Protein backbone atom coordinates (compact mmCIF):
# COMPACT_ATOMS: atom_id res chain seq x y z
CA MET A 1 38.32 18.78 -2.37
CA ASN A 2 35.92 21.25 -3.68
CA SER A 3 35.08 24.68 -1.72
CA VAL A 4 31.71 23.48 -0.68
CA GLU A 5 33.42 20.23 0.60
CA LEU A 6 36.33 22.45 2.33
CA PHE A 7 33.69 24.19 4.45
CA LEU A 8 31.50 21.48 5.59
CA PHE A 9 34.51 19.50 6.25
CA GLY A 10 36.16 22.70 7.98
CA THR A 11 33.17 23.47 10.10
CA ALA A 12 32.42 19.74 11.39
CA ALA A 13 36.50 19.47 12.18
CA LEU A 14 36.04 22.29 14.18
CA LEU A 15 33.11 21.48 15.99
CA PHE A 16 34.52 17.94 17.14
CA LEU A 17 37.65 19.83 18.36
CA CYS A 18 35.16 21.89 20.42
CA VAL A 19 34.03 18.83 22.09
CA LEU A 20 36.86 17.10 22.23
CA ALA A 21 38.23 20.41 23.87
CA SER A 22 35.52 20.74 26.26
CA LYS A 23 36.47 17.18 28.04
CA ALA A 24 39.71 19.00 29.31
CA SER A 25 37.65 22.22 30.54
CA GLY A 26 36.26 20.37 33.31
CA LYS A 27 39.59 19.25 34.75
CA LEU A 28 41.11 22.71 34.40
CA GLY A 29 38.01 24.67 35.69
CA ILE A 30 37.39 26.38 32.63
CA PRO A 31 33.81 27.20 31.51
CA THR A 32 33.13 25.03 28.17
CA LEU A 33 32.10 28.19 26.17
CA VAL A 34 35.35 29.95 26.86
CA VAL A 35 36.80 26.69 25.13
CA PHE A 36 34.99 27.12 21.95
CA LEU A 37 35.16 30.58 21.64
CA GLY A 38 39.70 29.68 21.87
CA VAL A 39 38.90 27.24 19.31
CA GLY A 40 37.39 30.18 17.03
CA ILE A 41 40.10 32.77 17.83
CA PHE A 42 42.51 29.90 17.05
CA ALA A 43 41.24 28.85 13.62
CA GLY A 44 40.38 32.80 12.78
CA SER A 45 42.28 35.49 10.83
CA GLU A 46 45.09 35.87 13.54
CA GLY A 47 45.31 32.33 14.53
CA PRO A 48 47.28 29.62 13.24
CA LEU A 49 44.62 28.40 10.77
CA GLY A 50 43.87 32.06 9.29
CA ILE A 51 40.80 31.54 8.31
CA GLN A 52 39.78 35.02 7.23
CA PHE A 53 35.87 36.25 8.73
CA ASP A 54 34.66 39.78 8.95
CA ASN A 55 30.98 39.24 8.61
CA ALA A 56 29.46 40.79 11.28
CA TYR A 57 25.83 40.76 9.59
CA PHE A 58 26.07 36.83 9.28
CA ALA A 59 27.49 36.66 12.62
CA GLN A 60 24.71 38.64 14.12
CA THR A 61 21.86 36.51 12.05
CA LEU A 62 23.31 33.57 13.37
CA GLY A 63 23.52 34.84 16.90
CA VAL A 64 19.43 35.54 16.84
CA VAL A 65 19.02 32.13 15.78
CA ALA A 66 21.27 30.53 18.29
CA LEU A 67 19.74 32.17 21.12
CA ALA A 68 16.12 31.36 19.86
CA TYR A 69 16.83 27.72 20.31
CA ILE A 70 18.78 28.36 23.21
CA LEU A 71 16.43 30.13 24.88
CA PHE A 72 13.68 28.16 24.14
CA SER A 73 15.80 25.07 25.45
CA GLY A 74 16.43 26.99 28.71
CA GLY A 75 12.39 27.61 29.16
CA LEU A 76 11.63 23.74 28.50
CA ASP A 77 13.66 22.88 31.38
CA THR A 78 12.33 25.61 33.98
CA LYS A 79 10.03 24.14 36.19
CA ILE A 80 7.00 26.77 36.58
CA LYS A 81 6.80 25.37 40.94
CA ASP A 82 10.58 26.37 41.01
CA ILE A 83 10.04 29.96 39.49
CA LYS A 84 6.96 30.77 41.26
CA PRO A 85 8.54 31.74 44.60
CA ILE A 86 10.94 33.87 42.82
CA MET A 87 8.67 35.24 40.30
CA LYS A 88 8.80 39.08 41.31
CA SER A 89 12.55 39.15 42.13
CA GLY A 90 13.25 37.60 38.72
CA ILE A 91 10.97 40.05 36.89
CA SER A 92 12.47 42.97 38.84
CA LEU A 93 15.94 41.82 38.00
CA ALA A 94 15.15 41.42 34.25
CA SER A 95 14.52 44.84 34.20
CA LEU A 96 14.89 47.18 36.32
CA GLY A 97 18.27 45.74 37.27
CA VAL A 98 19.18 46.06 33.70
CA PHE A 99 18.24 49.37 33.46
CA ILE A 100 20.12 50.07 36.46
CA THR A 101 23.22 48.34 35.14
CA CYS A 102 23.08 50.21 32.10
CA LEU A 103 22.46 53.51 33.70
CA ILE A 104 25.21 53.15 35.97
CA VAL A 105 27.74 51.86 33.41
CA GLY A 106 26.71 54.42 30.85
CA LEU A 107 27.90 57.16 33.45
CA PHE A 108 30.97 55.53 34.05
CA ASN A 109 32.02 54.89 30.67
CA HIS A 110 31.50 58.65 30.04
CA TYR A 111 32.60 60.20 33.13
CA VAL A 112 35.88 57.99 33.87
CA LEU A 113 36.72 56.26 30.73
CA GLY A 114 36.04 59.52 28.04
CA PHE A 115 33.51 58.08 26.04
CA SER A 116 30.32 60.00 25.04
CA LEU A 117 27.47 60.01 26.81
CA LEU A 118 25.66 58.13 24.10
CA GLU A 119 28.49 55.85 23.29
CA GLY A 120 28.88 55.22 27.36
CA MET A 121 24.75 54.43 27.70
CA LEU A 122 25.36 52.52 24.38
CA ILE A 123 27.83 50.19 25.87
CA GLY A 124 26.29 49.90 29.02
CA ALA A 125 22.97 48.69 27.12
CA ILE A 126 24.95 45.86 25.70
CA ILE A 127 26.45 44.52 28.55
CA SER A 128 23.26 44.84 30.96
CA SER A 129 21.85 41.91 31.09
CA THR A 130 23.76 38.23 32.27
CA ASP A 131 23.71 35.60 29.18
CA ALA A 132 21.25 32.69 29.31
CA GLY A 133 23.45 30.19 27.57
CA ALA A 134 26.45 30.72 29.73
CA VAL A 135 24.24 31.17 32.97
CA PHE A 136 22.56 27.44 31.96
CA THR A 137 25.84 26.09 31.03
CA VAL A 138 27.73 26.77 34.20
CA LEU A 139 24.56 26.24 36.93
CA ARG A 140 23.71 23.11 35.23
CA SER A 141 27.32 21.65 35.09
CA LYS A 142 27.95 18.55 38.32
CA SER A 143 30.32 20.97 39.93
CA ILE A 144 28.08 23.70 40.98
CA HIS A 145 25.19 23.25 43.74
CA LEU A 146 23.28 26.13 45.28
CA LYS A 147 21.07 26.35 48.37
CA GLY A 148 17.57 27.38 48.05
CA ASN A 149 16.01 29.24 45.33
CA LEU A 150 19.02 30.39 43.81
CA LYS A 151 19.62 28.35 41.02
CA PRO A 152 15.73 29.35 39.37
CA LEU A 153 16.18 33.04 40.25
CA LEU A 154 19.46 33.00 38.41
CA GLU A 155 18.19 31.08 35.48
CA PHE A 156 14.88 32.79 35.47
CA GLU A 157 16.50 36.13 35.30
CA SER A 158 19.02 35.16 32.72
CA GLY A 159 16.50 33.70 30.43
CA SER A 160 13.75 36.98 30.76
CA ASN A 161 16.33 40.20 30.90
CA ASP A 162 17.66 39.87 26.95
CA PRO A 163 14.34 41.70 26.00
CA MET A 164 15.50 44.52 28.14
CA ALA A 165 18.95 44.29 27.18
CA VAL A 166 17.76 44.33 23.27
CA PHE A 167 15.18 47.37 23.61
CA LEU A 168 17.85 49.59 25.20
CA THR A 169 20.56 48.76 22.60
CA THR A 170 18.07 49.31 19.65
CA SER A 171 16.66 52.28 21.33
CA ILE A 172 20.09 54.51 22.04
CA LEU A 173 21.36 53.26 18.17
CA ALA A 174 17.79 54.90 17.24
CA LEU A 175 18.61 58.01 19.30
CA MET A 176 22.40 58.04 17.83
CA ALA A 177 20.83 57.79 14.15
CA SER A 178 18.18 60.36 14.23
CA PRO A 179 18.18 62.11 17.60
CA GLU A 180 15.56 64.64 16.46
CA ASP A 181 13.00 61.94 16.13
CA ALA A 182 13.43 60.61 19.45
CA SER A 183 10.63 60.62 22.11
CA PHE A 184 10.84 58.84 25.56
CA PHE A 185 6.90 58.37 25.18
CA GLN A 186 7.76 56.37 22.03
CA PHE A 187 10.45 54.21 23.46
CA LEU A 188 8.52 53.80 26.35
CA THR A 189 5.25 52.52 24.68
CA SER A 190 7.51 50.35 22.37
CA PHE A 191 9.11 48.47 25.43
CA ILE A 192 5.55 47.92 27.12
CA ALA A 193 4.40 46.30 23.82
CA GLN A 194 7.03 44.21 22.95
CA ILE A 195 6.62 42.89 26.59
CA ILE A 196 3.05 42.13 26.34
CA VAL A 197 2.93 41.24 22.85
CA GLY A 198 5.95 38.61 23.37
CA GLY A 199 4.81 37.01 26.54
CA ALA A 200 1.38 36.77 24.49
CA VAL A 201 2.85 35.02 21.75
CA GLY A 202 4.77 32.69 23.74
CA TYR A 203 1.78 31.67 25.71
CA GLY A 204 -0.31 31.03 23.02
CA ALA A 205 2.40 29.42 21.09
CA GLY A 206 3.38 27.05 23.86
CA LYS A 207 -0.57 26.45 24.94
CA MET A 208 -0.84 25.34 20.61
CA ALA A 209 2.32 23.29 20.26
CA THR A 210 1.09 21.18 23.17
CA LEU A 211 -2.17 20.30 21.39
CA PHE A 212 -0.32 20.05 17.89
CA PHE A 213 1.95 17.44 19.70
CA ASN A 214 -1.26 15.63 21.25
CA LYS A 215 -3.42 15.86 18.50
CA LEU A 216 -1.93 15.56 15.29
CA LYS A 217 -1.25 11.68 15.76
CA LEU A 218 1.88 11.96 13.00
CA GLU A 219 3.18 8.61 11.23
CA PHE A 220 6.67 8.92 12.69
CA GLU A 221 8.27 9.76 15.74
CA GLY A 222 10.95 11.63 14.33
CA LEU A 223 8.42 14.35 12.45
CA TYR A 224 7.49 15.64 16.14
CA THR A 225 10.90 16.77 16.64
CA VAL A 226 11.00 18.62 13.29
CA MET A 227 7.60 20.67 14.19
CA SER A 228 9.45 21.63 17.33
CA LEU A 229 12.47 23.04 15.60
CA ALA A 230 10.22 24.83 13.36
CA ILE A 231 7.99 25.88 16.10
CA VAL A 232 10.89 27.89 17.91
CA LEU A 233 11.62 29.96 14.60
CA ILE A 234 7.72 30.50 13.94
CA VAL A 235 7.66 32.14 17.50
CA TYR A 236 10.25 34.09 17.29
CA SER A 237 9.36 35.53 13.61
CA LEU A 238 5.64 36.02 14.48
CA ALA A 239 6.59 37.84 17.80
CA GLN A 240 9.05 40.14 16.11
CA ALA A 241 6.61 41.02 12.82
CA LEU A 242 3.81 41.68 15.48
CA LYS A 243 6.08 44.70 17.08
CA GLY A 244 6.87 42.22 20.17
CA ASN A 245 10.48 40.71 21.73
CA GLY A 246 10.91 37.45 20.02
CA PHE A 247 13.27 36.34 22.36
CA LEU A 248 11.01 36.68 25.49
CA ALA A 249 8.15 34.83 23.07
CA VAL A 250 10.43 31.85 22.51
CA TYR A 251 11.57 31.38 26.30
CA VAL A 252 8.04 31.55 27.36
CA ALA A 253 6.47 29.21 24.81
CA GLY A 254 9.48 26.75 25.87
CA VAL A 255 8.37 27.31 29.75
CA VAL A 256 4.71 26.87 29.05
CA LEU A 257 5.54 23.85 26.75
CA GLY A 258 8.02 22.03 28.98
CA ASN A 259 5.45 22.48 31.99
CA SER A 260 2.77 20.46 29.67
CA THR A 261 2.23 17.43 29.21
CA PHE A 262 2.91 16.02 25.78
CA ILE A 263 3.66 12.72 23.80
CA PHE A 264 7.50 12.21 22.88
CA LYS A 265 8.54 14.96 25.87
CA LYS A 266 11.53 13.04 26.90
CA SER A 267 13.07 12.79 23.65
CA ILE A 268 11.89 16.31 22.49
CA MET A 269 13.73 17.87 25.40
CA LEU A 270 16.75 15.93 24.90
CA MET A 271 17.01 16.59 21.12
CA HIS A 272 16.56 20.20 22.11
CA ASP A 273 19.49 20.32 25.10
CA GLY A 274 21.71 18.96 21.76
CA VAL A 275 20.26 21.75 19.94
CA SER A 276 21.18 23.85 22.36
CA TRP A 277 24.78 23.04 22.61
CA LEU A 278 25.19 22.64 18.85
CA MET A 279 23.91 26.19 18.76
CA GLN A 280 26.38 27.49 21.70
CA SER A 281 29.18 25.98 19.86
CA LEU A 282 28.40 27.60 16.55
CA LEU A 283 27.98 30.65 18.01
CA PHE A 284 31.13 31.02 20.16
CA LEU A 285 33.16 29.47 17.32
CA THR A 286 31.70 32.01 14.92
CA LEU A 287 32.71 34.67 17.51
CA GLY A 288 35.94 33.79 17.67
CA LEU A 289 36.44 33.63 14.17
CA LEU A 290 34.79 37.32 14.00
CA LEU A 291 37.57 38.25 16.82
CA TYR A 292 40.98 40.09 16.06
CA PRO A 293 43.09 39.35 19.13
CA SER A 294 45.79 42.12 18.42
CA ARG A 295 42.71 44.41 18.49
CA VAL A 296 41.28 43.30 21.89
CA PHE A 297 44.82 43.50 23.52
CA GLU A 298 44.82 47.66 22.47
CA VAL A 299 41.94 48.12 24.91
CA THR A 300 43.07 45.59 27.64
CA SER A 301 43.35 48.60 30.06
CA THR A 302 39.85 50.21 29.22
CA GLY A 303 38.77 46.93 29.68
CA ILE A 304 39.90 45.80 32.73
CA LEU A 305 38.44 48.88 34.66
CA MET A 306 34.73 48.61 32.81
CA ALA A 307 34.66 44.69 33.60
CA SER A 308 35.91 45.37 37.45
CA PHE A 309 33.41 48.41 37.32
CA LEU A 310 30.82 45.99 36.13
CA MET A 311 31.75 43.21 38.27
CA PHE A 312 32.07 44.46 41.61
CA ILE A 313 29.72 47.80 41.62
CA ALA A 314 27.41 48.22 38.63
CA ARG A 315 26.37 44.62 38.90
CA PRO A 316 26.11 44.50 43.02
CA VAL A 317 24.11 47.99 43.15
CA SER A 318 21.42 46.73 40.33
CA ILE A 319 20.95 43.31 42.40
CA PHE A 320 20.71 45.03 45.90
CA ILE A 321 18.42 47.89 44.71
CA GLY A 322 16.42 45.70 42.34
CA MET A 323 15.79 43.11 45.61
CA SER A 324 15.46 45.27 48.03
CA PHE A 325 11.55 44.19 48.52
CA ASP A 326 12.82 40.78 49.04
CA LYS A 327 12.87 40.40 52.75
CA LYS A 328 13.71 36.73 52.41
CA ALA A 329 16.82 37.10 50.50
CA THR A 330 19.90 37.28 52.75
CA PHE A 331 22.64 39.59 52.36
CA LYS A 332 25.07 36.28 51.39
CA GLU A 333 22.67 35.62 48.60
CA LYS A 334 22.56 38.89 46.93
CA LEU A 335 26.32 38.69 46.91
CA LEU A 336 26.20 35.45 45.22
CA ILE A 337 23.64 36.53 42.58
CA SER A 338 25.68 39.75 42.15
CA TRP A 339 28.76 37.48 40.94
CA VAL A 340 26.60 34.74 38.96
CA GLY A 341 25.96 37.98 36.32
CA LEU A 342 27.72 36.19 33.55
CA ARG A 343 28.16 37.84 30.41
CA GLY A 344 28.74 35.77 27.75
CA SER A 345 27.37 35.77 23.57
CA VAL A 346 24.23 37.78 24.11
CA PRO A 347 26.68 40.86 24.57
CA ILE A 348 28.90 39.94 22.10
CA VAL A 349 26.04 39.33 19.69
CA MET A 350 24.82 42.56 20.48
CA ALA A 351 27.59 44.46 19.98
CA THR A 352 27.35 42.98 15.92
CA TYR A 353 24.47 46.03 16.02
CA PRO A 354 26.96 48.92 15.95
CA LEU A 355 28.77 47.23 13.60
CA VAL A 356 26.31 46.43 11.19
CA ALA A 357 24.77 50.07 11.73
CA GLY A 358 28.15 51.68 10.84
CA ILE A 359 28.54 53.95 14.09
CA HIS A 360 31.40 55.83 15.17
CA ASN A 361 33.54 53.73 17.54
CA ALA A 362 31.36 50.54 16.47
CA ASP A 363 34.92 48.30 16.32
CA LEU A 364 36.21 49.91 19.44
CA ILE A 365 32.91 48.74 21.21
CA PHE A 366 32.79 45.46 20.07
CA ASN A 367 36.48 44.76 21.62
CA LEU A 368 35.49 46.01 24.44
CA VAL A 369 32.12 43.94 24.86
CA PHE A 370 34.02 41.32 23.56
CA PHE A 371 36.96 41.53 26.29
CA VAL A 372 34.53 41.96 29.04
CA ALA A 373 32.28 38.76 28.09
CA LEU A 374 35.32 36.97 28.19
CA ILE A 375 36.78 38.33 31.58
CA SER A 376 33.36 37.44 32.60
CA LEU A 377 33.10 34.07 31.80
CA VAL A 378 36.55 33.19 32.71
CA PHE A 379 36.96 35.29 36.06
CA GLN A 380 33.58 34.94 37.43
CA GLY A 381 32.30 31.56 35.73
CA SER A 382 35.12 29.30 36.65
CA SER A 383 34.95 30.89 40.52
CA ILE A 384 31.37 30.18 41.08
CA PRO A 385 31.80 27.00 43.35
CA LEU A 386 34.14 28.74 45.19
CA VAL A 387 32.37 31.95 45.97
CA ALA A 388 29.32 29.85 46.99
CA LYS A 389 31.33 27.35 49.27
CA LEU A 390 32.66 30.51 50.89
CA LEU A 391 29.73 32.08 51.34
CA GLY A 392 28.00 29.00 53.01
CA LEU A 393 25.74 28.95 50.18
CA GLU A 394 27.12 25.30 48.52
CA ALA A 395 24.21 22.72 48.68
CA PRO A 396 25.27 18.82 49.12
CA VAL A 397 25.10 16.94 46.25
CA VAL A 398 22.17 14.55 46.57
CA GLU A 399 21.80 11.33 44.21
CA ASN A 400 19.03 12.20 42.24
CA VAL A 401 17.88 8.81 42.03
CA ALA A 402 13.58 8.47 42.49
CA LYS A 403 11.86 6.27 44.86
CA ASN A 404 10.08 4.62 41.54
CA GLU A 405 13.19 3.94 39.69
CA GLN A 406 14.30 1.80 42.69
CA ILE A 407 13.19 -1.57 41.37
CA SER A 408 14.47 -4.81 42.30
CA ALA A 409 16.58 -6.49 39.46
CA ALA A 410 15.62 -9.87 40.70
CA ASN A 411 11.26 -9.71 40.02
CA PRO A 412 10.82 -6.25 38.85
CA ARG A 413 7.26 -6.34 38.69
CA ASP A 414 7.28 -7.27 42.96
CA ASN A 415 7.47 -3.26 43.10
CA MET A 416 4.75 -2.49 41.00
CA THR A 417 0.84 -2.47 41.35
CA GLN A 418 -0.93 -4.07 38.89
CA ILE A 419 -4.30 -2.77 37.57
CA SER A 420 -6.66 -4.31 35.24
CA VAL A 421 -8.74 -2.39 32.94
CA PRO A 422 -12.50 -3.23 32.70
CA SER A 423 -13.97 -3.56 29.46
CA ASP A 424 -16.43 -0.67 30.36
CA SER A 425 -13.70 1.73 31.92
CA GLN A 426 -13.71 5.29 31.19
CA VAL A 427 -10.10 5.25 29.84
CA VAL A 428 -10.42 2.40 27.37
CA GLY A 429 -9.41 4.08 23.82
CA LYS A 430 -7.54 7.02 25.21
CA SER A 431 -4.11 7.56 25.09
CA VAL A 432 -1.61 7.49 27.70
CA ILE A 433 -1.30 11.51 27.32
CA ASP A 434 -4.78 11.72 27.55
CA LEU A 435 -4.96 9.94 31.18
CA SER A 436 -2.88 13.29 32.90
CA LEU A 437 -0.82 10.99 35.12
CA PRO A 438 0.49 12.74 38.25
CA GLU A 439 4.15 13.85 38.04
CA ASP A 440 4.69 11.03 40.46
CA LEU A 441 2.94 7.82 38.81
CA LEU A 442 4.54 5.80 36.01
CA ILE A 443 2.99 3.12 33.90
CA VAL A 444 6.11 1.38 33.31
CA LEU A 445 4.49 -1.56 31.36
CA ILE A 446 1.65 -3.20 29.75
CA GLU A 447 0.76 -6.84 29.57
CA ARG A 448 -2.40 -7.18 26.60
CA GLU A 449 -3.18 -10.76 25.55
CA GLY A 450 0.22 -12.32 26.92
CA LYS A 451 2.24 -10.01 25.34
CA THR A 452 4.24 -7.31 26.93
CA VAL A 453 3.90 -3.70 25.66
CA ILE A 454 6.09 -0.71 26.38
CA PRO A 455 3.67 2.45 26.94
CA ARG A 456 4.50 5.32 25.10
CA GLY A 457 2.36 8.83 24.85
CA ALA A 458 0.36 7.84 22.35
CA THR A 459 -0.51 4.43 23.12
CA GLN A 460 -3.88 3.55 23.76
CA ILE A 461 -5.35 2.05 26.51
CA LEU A 462 -7.32 -1.43 25.65
CA ALA A 463 -10.30 -3.28 27.65
CA ASN A 464 -8.84 -5.99 29.62
CA ASP A 465 -5.09 -4.45 29.48
CA LYS A 466 -3.19 -5.05 32.55
CA LEU A 467 -0.96 -1.80 33.82
CA TYR A 468 1.62 -2.49 35.90
CA ILE A 469 2.26 1.14 37.69
CA LEU A 470 5.01 2.80 39.88
CA ALA A 471 3.48 5.26 42.27
CA GLU A 472 2.55 6.04 45.95
CA ASP A 473 -0.12 7.46 47.55
CA PRO A 474 -2.68 9.37 46.80
CA GLY A 475 -1.26 9.04 42.83
CA LEU A 476 -2.23 5.48 43.17
CA GLN A 477 -5.61 5.45 44.49
CA LEU A 478 -6.40 8.54 42.41
CA MET A 479 -5.09 6.29 39.27
CA ARG A 480 -7.15 3.00 40.37
CA SER A 481 -10.44 5.06 40.72
CA LYS A 482 -9.54 6.51 37.35
CA ILE A 483 -9.31 3.24 35.89
CA LEU A 484 -12.36 1.50 37.64
CA ALA A 485 -14.76 4.41 36.61
CA THR A 486 -17.30 3.26 34.17
CA VAL A 487 -18.02 4.87 31.04
CA PRO A 488 -21.98 6.61 31.70
CA GLN A 489 -24.89 4.20 30.49
CA GLN A 490 -25.80 7.27 27.94
CA GLU A 491 -22.63 7.41 26.34
CA ALA A 492 -22.12 3.66 26.22
CA GLU A 493 -25.22 3.73 24.41
CA ALA A 494 -24.52 6.22 21.58
């Protein structure tokens, strides 16, 4: 094999090994992402395979791209109706909570662990946010079911708190590089601009993406998935170019798009779920390769103190202060939210910022952050089901089978409502996607001139079609009135 073939084979083999190893992770109770990290360490410079890799800039670039796709996929799966009740608490935790964590950990690092004040604050900023990839992966596994709005709150917090952590990290690095140019007013206006611009770009991009999907009428279905992949990088890059926060932009774009109706939605969402797993695999694999285990072992005592302080003091304090106004959240719920403060790829990627900047103690900071993230993933990630059960916040497992999906195998059409489309109906010539169907209504099939048509979003409704619909009132009545409504006389004459 030449070098290119060897590189491709090695990358594919490691990814394949990650997938196989993930099978065992569920049985052992170890988060899947830790397995990916372990494969990277196994293949790294101090592992049996001995692959030499120390390019922090490449790891940082890959991390940014990976996080963009992970956040976009998480946004696609986020339902606005689920996060509305927890929006206020989520925003508070994603901003005030992150700042408090950074401040408390920074002071602990300075006064207890002996770091300089700025170094301590920098480490605090890097590990101040929870990791979206880790939280999404752990909470959406089959073994974890939480009561009430806990899951939406935790996912919303992890998906939206990266901007604050990135802002704090880059601001402290700028202060360390040029203390004479530092200005509190400048930092404040920069942060506000990042949030406003990032949110606006994400919202606008989500709306535009919905319009593109529904109006472009591309010839091949696969091109829609290609377009969605391009949209993620365009949104991130545009937000960053406009001095906004790219991570917030892609998450908001994902939320807006995921809560809109567009053609091939299911296939696009499934594809992005696969891309998210690919990115997480590559990212943790790369970060594992970048690590020198012997150097991490050197900071074990300091890392244990820092991780313990973060998990048992800093995170709970930030949660109880950040949610002090929320009278509905119980003490036990706040305790569980405190415990699900998973650190993962985001802090490790941000720990490459000091490496790239070449600041003093950058290697030490990277190894400490890596150790804290690893402890969090292994210790907290694997114990969430147990903690939820002990606190009485574990929800019963419910078989998620929609009533509309319970169709008799003997004669499926007996379970459906048939509606014929009149020739003068207002829906004639419209695509299924343009009908604005209720969420609990499904057009299962269409009979057209004696043939059966399986409807898709781009399928046009023609005169005399027989639609077989699964729905209950009032959705069924709404659909019936829409189909039977005729085109106004002046439009028909036109």
